[in-house]
Structure formats: C-alpha cells, structure tokens
Amino acid sequence: MGLNLEGYLGKVERADGLEGIQNLILDLREHYSIDHIVYHWVSSDGEQYGCGTYSPDWAQRYHDKEYLRVDPVVIGCFQRFHPVDWKRLDWSSKPARAFRQDAIDHGVGNQGFSIPIRGPNGQFALLSASHNCSDLEWAKFTQSHQRELILIAHYFNQKALELEKNRVPEPARSLSPREVDTLTFLAMGYSRAQVSDMLRISEHTLRAYIESARSKLGCANTTHAVARAMSEGLIILGGAARAAAGNWPGRT
C-alpha cells in the first residue's frame, strides 16, 4: 500500500515536540520496511538535535569517536543542495572507510540516501534513510520514494524551525503570485513541463518565473530556491495547496 502522503504531512504539521517527530519517523520506517530513518538538524545558534532509529550504542559511539569530523554523509551533504546516494560520496580516505565499516557493523546498513536542507540564519538539516540490501533493490527504493521523501524532509524541517528557541525570522522577501505557484508545484515534484501545463503558460515563461524567484531569493539553482522558499514560509504545501493541485489538468 502506498503512503497516504497528504495524511502523513498533516500529522507532521500537528506534531508536538521532538517526541512527535520521533513517533512519525518510526511510522515512516515501518511503512517503508527499511532499517533506519534519521532526521538531524543544527539550529541557527549551533544547537544539534536528532530524531531517528539508530541504536543508542551507535549514537553514543558516533559521539565518542567524534565521527562528525570524518562522516562523508555530513561533509558531502553540507556541500550539496540535491539528494544524494551515499555511494556517490567520497569514501576514499582511510578514516572514512573505517567509519563506514564501523557503521555497517552497528547496523546502519550498506545503503543510504540523504536529503540536505538549509533553513534561515544558517540552519542545516539532513533526512537520511538507510538499509542493508543490494544496489538494485536500493535504486528501486530511491527512485520510487525520492519525491515524497524530499517533501517529508521539508515538512520535518518546518516543524524543527517552529520548535527552535529564540528564533529571529529573516526579513520577509516578496515573491509574485505566479512565482509562488511555480515554486510550489516544483516542490510537489512536478516536472517543468507539467507545471507549465498546469499554469497554462509556455515553458519559456515558466523559466522566466523560476529565474526571477531564484534571483530574489539569492539562490544558485532551482532546488535551492524551492528549499529556501519552503523553509522561509514563502510557499506552504498545506492541505489546501495539495488539494488544489489535484484539480489542475495534466496531473499524473
């Protein structure tokens, strides 16, 4: 049975504190039938938080060994805006290889997939899924669930921002209604061709909206612009937006 994405995102919006996020991560792991899902974030004031399914022994060992300094997942994702398969990261150094073997020995899994997220004022987060399986099985999993995991990651991050103490909002940025529509549908996983069809504009005009929004947000690419617009609350993928999307022609 597929994930009831709208229902799940509604639960994320209503989650109460870290315990609520933790319970939702447990539900997600059970739904996907994989070994682990972890959400980790660093707030704008440098405080670190984590919710997930790694064993307490591995969490303590990670801390004691100061693996944060050599972890290719954290290092690699901090340099990226796009989701990444762990095997595409740089594991060439001896410390990285030793860390990987230690992680596998502690049940993390031989496969992994992480979604980096950046929020306002330097906030950084990762949603990671990991499992022990073949490359082919993992490729099928990530291809099937990447879009919904990206959306879930941003909803978790919005909740994390709500929980962050003494958060000072950034000055509001202004996007036009069409720019908001464009980034919203892209955030929901639609292709540019689908978005231009739904908005009844040419792909050339759509590209102009994307570039304009990207420039206003100071972002290097479209993925970064979508992530920043979501984290700053400029686009909200609530139930009304998702329901409205279902009424557009061309939806698959």
C-alpha atoms as a PDB file:
ATOM      1  CA  MET A   1       0.000   0.000   0.000  1.00  0.00           C
ATOM      2  CA  GLY A   2       1.341   3.446  -0.914  1.00  0.00           C
ATOM      3  CA  LEU A   3       1.949   6.137   1.649  1.00  0.00           C
ATOM      4  CA  ASN A   4      -1.020   8.441   2.295  1.00  0.00           C
ATOM      5  CA  LEU A   5       1.226  11.452   1.782  1.00  0.00           C
ATOM      6  CA  GLU A   6      -1.367  14.113   2.491  1.00  0.00           C
ATOM      7  CA  GLY A   7      -2.404  12.424   5.724  1.00  0.00           C
ATOM      8  CA  TYR A   8       1.204  11.927   6.818  1.00  0.00           C
ATOM      9  CA  LEU A   9       2.172  15.544   6.112  1.00  0.00           C
ATOM     10  CA  GLY A  10      -0.849  16.671   8.117  1.00  0.00           C
ATOM     11  CA  LYS A  11       0.464  14.647  11.068  1.00  0.00           C
ATOM     12  CA  VAL A  12       3.867  16.332  10.715  1.00  0.00           C
ATOM     13  CA  GLU A  13       2.201  19.745  10.803  1.00  0.00           C
ATOM     14  CA  ARG A  14       0.396  18.774  14.017  1.00  0.00           C
ATOM     15  CA  ALA A  15       3.387  17.065  15.683  1.00  0.00           C
ATOM     16  CA  ASP A  16       4.027  18.110  19.268  1.00  0.00           C
ATOM     17  CA  GLY A  17       7.725  18.498  20.019  1.00  0.00           C
ATOM     18  CA  LEU A  18      10.599  16.090  19.439  1.00  0.00           C
ATOM     19  CA  GLU A  19       8.597  13.118  20.668  1.00  0.00           C
ATOM     20  CA  GLY A  20       6.009  13.736  17.972  1.00  0.00           C
ATOM     21  CA  ILE A  21       8.680  13.848  15.269  1.00  0.00           C
ATOM     22  CA  GLN A  22      10.283  10.689  16.647  1.00  0.00           C
ATOM     23  CA  ASN A  23       6.995   8.794  16.513  1.00  0.00           C
ATOM     24  CA  LEU A  24       6.405   9.892  12.922  1.00  0.00           C
ATOM     25  CA  ILE A  25       9.885   8.703  11.932  1.00  0.00           C
ATOM     26  CA  LEU A  26       9.151   5.316  13.477  1.00  0.00           C
ATOM     27  CA  ASP A  27       5.906   5.166  11.487  1.00  0.00           C
ATOM     28  CA  LEU A  28       7.760   6.044   8.280  1.00  0.00           C
ATOM     29  CA  ARG A  29      10.404   3.377   8.822  1.00  0.00           C
ATOM     30  CA  GLU A  30       7.702   0.779   9.393  1.00  0.00           C
ATOM     31  CA  HIS A  31       5.819   1.856   6.270  1.00  0.00           C
ATOM     32  CA  TYR A  32       8.910   1.622   4.051  1.00  0.00           C
ATOM     33  CA  SER A  33      10.174  -1.566   5.757  1.00  0.00           C
ATOM     34  CA  ILE A  34      13.762  -0.305   5.851  1.00  0.00           C
ATOM     35  CA  ASP A  35      16.340  -0.396   8.635  1.00  0.00           C
ATOM     36  CA  HIS A  36      16.625   3.280   9.540  1.00  0.00           C
ATOM     37  CA  ILE A  37      15.348   6.803   9.034  1.00  0.00           C
ATOM     38  CA  VAL A  38      17.051   9.689  10.828  1.00  0.00           C
ATOM     39  CA  TYR A  39      16.350  13.425  10.894  1.00  0.00           C
ATOM     40  CA  HIS A  40      19.191  15.561  12.242  1.00  0.00           C
ATOM     41  CA  TRP A  41      19.455  19.315  12.319  1.00  0.00           C
ATOM     42  CA  VAL A  42      21.717  22.093  13.528  1.00  0.00           C
ATOM     43  CA  SER A  43      19.856  25.217  14.609  1.00  0.00           C
ATOM     44  CA  SER A  44      20.968  28.735  13.746  1.00  0.00           C
ATOM     45  CA  ASP A  45      22.591  29.069  17.187  1.00  0.00           C
ATOM     46  CA  GLY A  46      24.594  25.870  16.760  1.00  0.00           C
ATOM     47  CA  GLU A  47      22.453  23.521  18.864  1.00  0.00           C
ATOM     48  CA  GLN A  48      22.172  19.978  17.463  1.00  0.00           C
ATOM     49  CA  TYR A  49      19.049  17.821  17.570  1.00  0.00           C
ATOM     50  CA  GLY A  50      18.257  14.389  16.261  1.00  0.00           C
ATOM     51  CA  CYS A  51      15.361  12.006  15.904  1.00  0.00           C
ATOM     52  CA  GLY A  52      15.642   8.581  14.378  1.00  0.00           C
ATOM     53  CA  THR A  53      16.051   4.864  14.632  1.00  0.00           C
ATOM     54  CA  TYR A  54      19.790   4.243  15.051  1.00  0.00           C
ATOM     55  CA  SER A  55      20.642   2.152  18.107  1.00  0.00           C
ATOM     56  CA  PRO A  56      21.681   4.021  21.282  1.00  0.00           C
ATOM     57  CA  ASP A  57      25.016   2.157  21.113  1.00  0.00           C
ATOM     58  CA  TRP A  58      25.762   3.551  17.647  1.00  0.00           C
ATOM     59  CA  ALA A  59      24.641   7.071  18.604  1.00  0.00           C
ATOM     60  CA  GLN A  60      26.975   7.008  21.615  1.00  0.00           C
ATOM     61  CA  ARG A  61      29.858   5.556  19.608  1.00  0.00           C
ATOM     62  CA  TYR A  62      29.381   8.183  16.888  1.00  0.00           C
ATOM     63  CA  HIS A  63      29.677  10.862  19.573  1.00  0.00           C
ATOM     64  CA  ASP A  64      32.605   9.285  21.427  1.00  0.00           C
ATOM     65  CA  LYS A  65      34.618   8.701  18.254  1.00  0.00           C
ATOM     66  CA  GLU A  66      33.858  12.242  17.007  1.00  0.00           C
ATOM     67  CA  TYR A  67      32.736  10.772  13.713  1.00  0.00           C
ATOM     68  CA  LEU A  68      31.059  14.049  12.798  1.00  0.00           C
ATOM     69  CA  ARG A  69      34.509  15.273  11.697  1.00  0.00           C
ATOM     70  CA  VAL A  70      35.010  12.461   9.151  1.00  0.00           C
ATOM     71  CA  ASP A  71      31.474  11.380   8.214  1.00  0.00           C
ATOM     72  CA  PRO A  72      31.294  11.677   4.384  1.00  0.00           C
ATOM     73  CA  VAL A  73      27.483  11.921   4.567  1.00  0.00           C
ATOM     74  CA  VAL A  74      27.547  15.067   6.705  1.00  0.00           C
ATOM     75  CA  ILE A  75      30.549  16.558   4.900  1.00  0.00           C
ATOM     76  CA  GLY A  76      29.219  15.741   1.440  1.00  0.00           C
ATOM     77  CA  CYS A  77      25.668  16.896   2.078  1.00  0.00           C
ATOM     78  CA  PHE A  78      26.827  20.182   3.591  1.00  0.00           C
ATOM     79  CA  GLN A  79      28.333  20.939   0.169  1.00  0.00           C
ATOM     80  CA  ARG A  80      25.188  19.984  -1.748  1.00  0.00           C
ATOM     81  CA  PHE A  81      21.599  21.049  -2.277  1.00  0.00           C
ATOM     82  CA  HIS A  82      20.448  17.892  -4.050  1.00  0.00           C
ATOM     83  CA  PRO A  83      19.590  14.496  -2.503  1.00  0.00           C
ATOM     84  CA  VAL A  84      22.468  12.046  -2.744  1.00  0.00           C
ATOM     85  CA  ASP A  85      23.043   8.307  -2.614  1.00  0.00           C
ATOM     86  CA  TRP A  86      25.762   7.582  -0.059  1.00  0.00           C
ATOM     87  CA  LYS A  87      27.805   5.514  -2.504  1.00  0.00           C
ATOM     88  CA  ARG A  88      28.318   8.622  -4.631  1.00  0.00           C
ATOM     89  CA  LEU A  89      30.082  10.402  -1.771  1.00  0.00           C
ATOM     90  CA  ASP A  90      33.832  10.424  -1.185  1.00  0.00           C
ATOM     91  CA  TRP A  91      34.820   7.385   0.895  1.00  0.00           C
ATOM     92  CA  SER A  92      38.417   7.306  -0.337  1.00  0.00           C
ATOM     93  CA  SER A  93      40.176   8.323   2.879  1.00  0.00           C
ATOM     94  CA  LYS A  94      41.215   5.731   5.449  1.00  0.00           C
ATOM     95  CA  PRO A  95      39.149   7.370   8.262  1.00  0.00           C
ATOM     96  CA  ALA A  96      36.063   7.440   6.013  1.00  0.00           C
ATOM     97  CA  ARG A  97      36.420   3.768   5.131  1.00  0.00           C
ATOM     98  CA  ALA A  98      36.923   2.825   8.784  1.00  0.00           C
ATOM     99  CA  PHE A  99      33.852   4.857   9.717  1.00  0.00           C
ATOM    100  CA  ARG A 100      31.762   3.150   7.029  1.00  0.00           C
ATOM    101  CA  GLN A 101      32.737  -0.329   8.216  1.00  0.00           C
ATOM    102  CA  ASP A 102      32.012   0.615  11.821  1.00  0.00           C
ATOM    103  CA  ALA A 103      28.588   1.968  10.809  1.00  0.00           C
ATOM    104  CA  ILE A 104      27.747  -1.237   8.924  1.00  0.00           C
ATOM    105  CA  ASP A 105      28.907  -3.325  11.890  1.00  0.00           C
ATOM    106  CA  HIS A 106      26.497  -1.354  14.092  1.00  0.00           C
ATOM    107  CA  GLY A 107      23.520  -1.992  11.826  1.00  0.00           C
ATOM    108  CA  VAL A 108      23.320   1.281   9.913  1.00  0.00           C
ATOM    109  CA  GLY A 109      23.181  -0.596   6.606  1.00  0.00           C
ATOM    110  CA  ASN A 110      25.291  -0.789   3.457  1.00  0.00           C
ATOM    111  CA  GLN A 111      23.000   1.584   1.523  1.00  0.00           C
ATOM    112  CA  GLY A 112      21.963   5.132   2.281  1.00  0.00           C
ATOM    113  CA  PHE A 113      20.201   8.170   0.849  1.00  0.00           C
ATOM    114  CA  SER A 114      20.231  11.678   2.330  1.00  0.00           C
ATOM    115  CA  ILE A 115      18.350  14.894   1.644  1.00  0.00           C
ATOM    116  CA  PRO A 116      20.166  18.084   2.720  1.00  0.00           C
ATOM    117  CA  ILE A 117      18.060  21.070   3.774  1.00  0.00           C
ATOM    118  CA  ARG A 118      19.048  24.644   4.541  1.00  0.00           C
ATOM    119  CA  GLY A 119      16.912  26.979   6.580  1.00  0.00           C
ATOM    120  CA  PRO A 120      17.221  30.632   7.574  1.00  0.00           C
ATOM    121  CA  ASN A 121      20.127  32.056   9.572  1.00  0.00           C
ATOM    122  CA  GLY A 122      22.456  29.117   8.944  1.00  0.00           C
ATOM    123  CA  GLN A 123      20.153  26.265   9.970  1.00  0.00           C
ATOM    124  CA  PHE A 124      21.144  22.955   8.331  1.00  0.00           C
ATOM    125  CA  ALA A 125      19.413  19.586   8.384  1.00  0.00           C
ATOM    126  CA  LEU A 126      19.508  16.089   6.905  1.00  0.00           C
ATOM    127  CA  LEU A 127      16.872  13.444   6.410  1.00  0.00           C
ATOM    128  CA  SER A 128      18.573  10.102   5.833  1.00  0.00           C
ATOM    129  CA  ALA A 129      17.258   6.635   5.010  1.00  0.00           C
ATOM    130  CA  SER A 130      19.472   3.550   5.175  1.00  0.00           C
ATOM    131  CA  HIS A 131      19.106  -0.175   4.687  1.00  0.00           C
ATOM    132  CA  ASN A 132      21.014  -3.390   4.087  1.00  0.00           C
ATOM    133  CA  CYS A 133      20.256  -4.628   0.567  1.00  0.00           C
ATOM    134  CA  SER A 134      21.613  -4.889  -2.960  1.00  0.00           C
ATOM    135  CA  ASP A 135      22.379  -1.895  -5.161  1.00  0.00           C
ATOM    136  CA  LEU A 136      19.471  -2.807  -7.462  1.00  0.00           C
ATOM    137  CA  GLU A 137      16.961  -3.011  -4.607  1.00  0.00           C
ATOM    138  CA  TRP A 138      18.131   0.315  -3.207  1.00  0.00           C
ATOM    139  CA  ALA A 139      17.978   2.015  -6.591  1.00  0.00           C
ATOM    140  CA  LYS A 140      14.368   0.878  -6.963  1.00  0.00           C
ATOM    141  CA  PHE A 141      13.539   2.179  -3.486  1.00  0.00           C
ATOM    142  CA  THR A 142      15.046   5.625  -4.012  1.00  0.00           C
ATOM    143  CA  GLN A 143      13.524   6.002  -7.466  1.00  0.00           C
ATOM    144  CA  SER A 144      10.084   5.100  -6.117  1.00  0.00           C
ATOM    145  CA  HIS A 145      10.152   7.265  -2.991  1.00  0.00           C
ATOM    146  CA  GLN A 146      12.557  10.159  -3.642  1.00  0.00           C
ATOM    147  CA  ARG A 147       9.889  12.789  -4.325  1.00  0.00           C
ATOM    148  CA  GLU A 148       7.826  12.050  -1.239  1.00  0.00           C
ATOM    149  CA  LEU A 149      10.933  11.838   0.950  1.00  0.00           C
ATOM    150  CA  ILE A 150      12.025  15.291  -0.242  1.00  0.00           C
ATOM    151  CA  LEU A 151       8.625  16.715   0.639  1.00  0.00           C
ATOM    152  CA  ILE A 152       8.595  14.965   4.016  1.00  0.00           C
ATOM    153  CA  ALA A 153      12.099  16.278   4.754  1.00  0.00           C
ATOM    154  CA  HIS A 154      10.981  19.856   4.231  1.00  0.00           C
ATOM    155  CA  TYR A 155       7.925  19.368   6.411  1.00  0.00           C
ATOM    156  CA  PHE A 156      10.122  17.977   9.186  1.00  0.00           C
ATOM    157  CA  ASN A 157      12.378  20.984   8.793  1.00  0.00           C
ATOM    158  CA  GLN A 158       9.486  23.428   9.003  1.00  0.00           C
ATOM    159  CA  LYS A 159       8.452  21.737  12.238  1.00  0.00           C
ATOM    160  CA  ALA A 160      12.034  21.936  13.518  1.00  0.00           C
ATOM    161  CA  LEU A 161      12.062  25.671  12.835  1.00  0.00           C
ATOM    162  CA  GLU A 162       8.861  26.044  14.838  1.00  0.00           C
ATOM    163  CA  LEU A 163      10.492  24.244  17.761  1.00  0.00           C
ATOM    164  CA  GLU A 164      13.708  26.286  17.620  1.00  0.00           C
ATOM    165  CA  LYS A 165      14.018  28.541  20.655  1.00  0.00           C
ATOM    166  CA  ASN A 166      14.504  32.300  20.296  1.00  0.00           C
ATOM    167  CA  ARG A 167      14.304  32.122  16.533  1.00  0.00           C
ATOM    168  CA  VAL A 168      14.539  35.523  14.860  1.00  0.00           C
ATOM    169  CA  PRO A 169      12.770  35.488  11.475  1.00  0.00           C
ATOM    170  CA  GLU A 170      14.621  36.811   8.460  1.00  0.00           C
ATOM    171  CA  PRO A 171      13.259  39.914   6.753  1.00  0.00           C
ATOM    172  CA  ALA A 172      10.325  38.930   4.553  1.00  0.00           C
ATOM    173  CA  ARG A 173      11.003  38.504   0.853  1.00  0.00           C
ATOM    174  CA  SER A 174       8.354  39.164  -1.738  1.00  0.00           C
ATOM    175  CA  LEU A 175       7.512  36.696  -4.497  1.00  0.00           C
ATOM    176  CA  SER A 176       4.797  37.326  -7.070  1.00  0.00           C
ATOM    177  CA  PRO A 177       1.734  35.030  -7.061  1.00  0.00           C
ATOM    178  CA  ARG A 178       2.976  33.327 -10.240  1.00  0.00           C
ATOM    179  CA  GLU A 179       6.442  32.812  -8.738  1.00  0.00           C
ATOM    180  CA  VAL A 180       4.804  31.256  -5.668  1.00  0.00           C
ATOM    181  CA  ASP A 181       2.683  28.959  -7.862  1.00  0.00           C
ATOM    182  CA  THR A 182       5.743  27.918  -9.856  1.00  0.00           C
ATOM    183  CA  LEU A 183       7.909  27.037  -6.847  1.00  0.00           C
ATOM    184  CA  THR A 184       5.001  25.336  -5.076  1.00  0.00           C
ATOM    185  CA  PHE A 185       4.326  22.893  -7.906  1.00  0.00           C
ATOM    186  CA  LEU A 186       8.035  22.233  -8.409  1.00  0.00           C
ATOM    187  CA  ALA A 187       8.293  21.496  -4.671  1.00  0.00           C
ATOM    188  CA  MET A 188       5.477  18.984  -5.038  1.00  0.00           C
ATOM    189  CA  GLY A 189       7.558  17.031  -7.527  1.00  0.00           C
ATOM    190  CA  TYR A 190       6.027  18.092 -10.847  1.00  0.00           C
ATOM    191  CA  SER A 191       8.292  18.486 -13.874  1.00  0.00           C
ATOM    192  CA  ARG A 192       8.684  21.844 -15.612  1.00  0.00           C
ATOM    193  CA  ALA A 193       6.568  20.591 -18.498  1.00  0.00           C
ATOM    194  CA  GLN A 194       3.780  19.595 -16.107  1.00  0.00           C
ATOM    195  CA  VAL A 195       3.950  22.921 -14.255  1.00  0.00           C
ATOM    196  CA  SER A 196       3.781  24.964 -17.439  1.00  0.00           C
ATOM    197  CA  ASP A 197       0.769  22.890 -18.498  1.00  0.00           C
ATOM    198  CA  MET A 198      -0.970  23.319 -15.139  1.00  0.00           C
ATOM    199  CA  LEU A 199      -0.349  27.080 -15.124  1.00  0.00           C
ATOM    200  CA  ARG A 200      -1.228  27.310 -18.829  1.00  0.00           C
ATOM    201  CA  ILE A 201       1.969  29.158 -19.717  1.00  0.00           C
ATOM    202  CA  SER A 202       4.859  28.334 -22.029  1.00  0.00           C
ATOM    203  CA  GLU A 203       7.984  26.685 -20.683  1.00  0.00           C
ATOM    204  CA  HIS A 204       9.874  29.846 -21.691  1.00  0.00           C
ATOM    205  CA  THR A 205       7.589  31.955 -19.461  1.00  0.00           C
ATOM    206  CA  LEU A 206       7.899  29.387 -16.681  1.00  0.00           C
ATOM    207  CA  ARG A 207      11.670  29.617 -16.912  1.00  0.00           C
ATOM    208  CA  ALA A 208      11.418  33.390 -16.511  1.00  0.00           C
ATOM    209  CA  TYR A 209       9.370  32.966 -13.294  1.00  0.00           C
ATOM    210  CA  ILE A 210      11.882  30.476 -11.944  1.00  0.00           C
ATOM    211  CA  GLU A 211      14.845  32.720 -12.684  1.00  0.00           C
ATOM    212  CA  SER A 212      13.094  35.720 -11.156  1.00  0.00           C
ATOM    213  CA  ALA A 213      12.279  33.813  -7.949  1.00  0.00           C
ATOM    214  CA  ARG A 214      15.785  32.397  -7.791  1.00  0.00           C
ATOM    215  CA  SER A 215      17.281  35.877  -8.114  1.00  0.00           C
ATOM    216  CA  LYS A 216      15.040  37.327  -5.386  1.00  0.00           C
ATOM    217  CA  LEU A 217      15.975  34.502  -3.019  1.00  0.00           C
ATOM    218  CA  GLY A 218      19.681  34.707  -3.816  1.00  0.00           C
ATOM    219  CA  CYS A 219      19.890  31.034  -4.809  1.00  0.00           C
ATOM    220  CA  ALA A 220      22.297  29.298  -7.145  1.00  0.00           C
ATOM    221  CA  ASN A 221      19.761  26.873  -8.614  1.00  0.00           C
ATOM    222  CA  THR A 222      16.095  25.906  -8.667  1.00  0.00           C
ATOM    223  CA  THR A 223      16.367  23.209  -5.992  1.00  0.00           C
ATOM    224  CA  HIS A 224      17.954  25.696  -3.606  1.00  0.00           C
ATOM    225  CA  ALA A 225      15.251  28.273  -4.398  1.00  0.00           C
ATOM    226  CA  VAL A 226      12.471  25.779  -3.662  1.00  0.00           C
ATOM    227  CA  ALA A 227      14.135  24.706  -0.413  1.00  0.00           C
ATOM    228  CA  ARG A 228      14.663  28.290   0.743  1.00  0.00           C
ATOM    229  CA  ALA A 229      11.129  29.349  -0.175  1.00  0.00           C
ATOM    230  CA  MET A 230       9.746  26.436   1.850  1.00  0.00           C
ATOM    231  CA  SER A 231      11.997  26.975   4.859  1.00  0.00           C
ATOM    232  CA  GLU A 232      11.118  30.688   4.943  1.00  0.00           C
ATOM    233  CA  GLY A 233       7.393  30.038   4.653  1.00  0.00           C
ATOM    234  CA  LEU A 234       7.079  31.737   1.262  1.00  0.00           C
ATOM    235  CA  ILE A 235       5.415  28.629  -0.135  1.00  0.00           C
ATOM    236  CA  ILE A 236       3.231  26.464   2.075  1.00  0.00           C
ATOM    237  CA  LEU A 237       2.318  22.954   0.980  1.00  0.00           C
ATOM    238  CA  GLY A 238      -0.632  22.547   3.270  1.00  0.00           C
ATOM    239  CA  GLY A 239      -3.758  20.540   2.615  1.00  0.00           C
ATOM    240  CA  ALA A 240      -5.391  23.318   0.589  1.00  0.00           C
ATOM    241  CA  ALA A 241      -2.411  23.571  -1.771  1.00  0.00           C
ATOM    242  CA  ARG A 242      -2.248  19.824  -2.266  1.00  0.00           C
ATOM    243  CA  ALA A 243      -5.985  19.630  -2.883  1.00  0.00           C
ATOM    244  CA  ALA A 244      -5.791  22.489  -5.374  1.00  0.00           C
ATOM    245  CA  ALA A 245      -3.016  20.715  -7.232  1.00  0.00           C
ATOM    246  CA  GLY A 246      -5.288  17.752  -7.797  1.00  0.00           C
ATOM    247  CA  ASN A 247      -7.699  19.936  -9.761  1.00  0.00           C
ATOM    248  CA  TRP A 248      -5.161  21.038 -12.371  1.00  0.00           C
ATOM    249  CA  PRO A 249      -5.256  19.344 -15.775  1.00  0.00           C
ATOM    250  CA  GLY A 250      -2.226  17.294 -16.697  1.00  0.00           C
ATOM    251  CA  ARG A 251      -1.635  15.885 -13.221  1.00  0.00           C
ATOM    252  CA  THR A 252      -0.227  12.353 -13.268  1.00  0.00           C
END
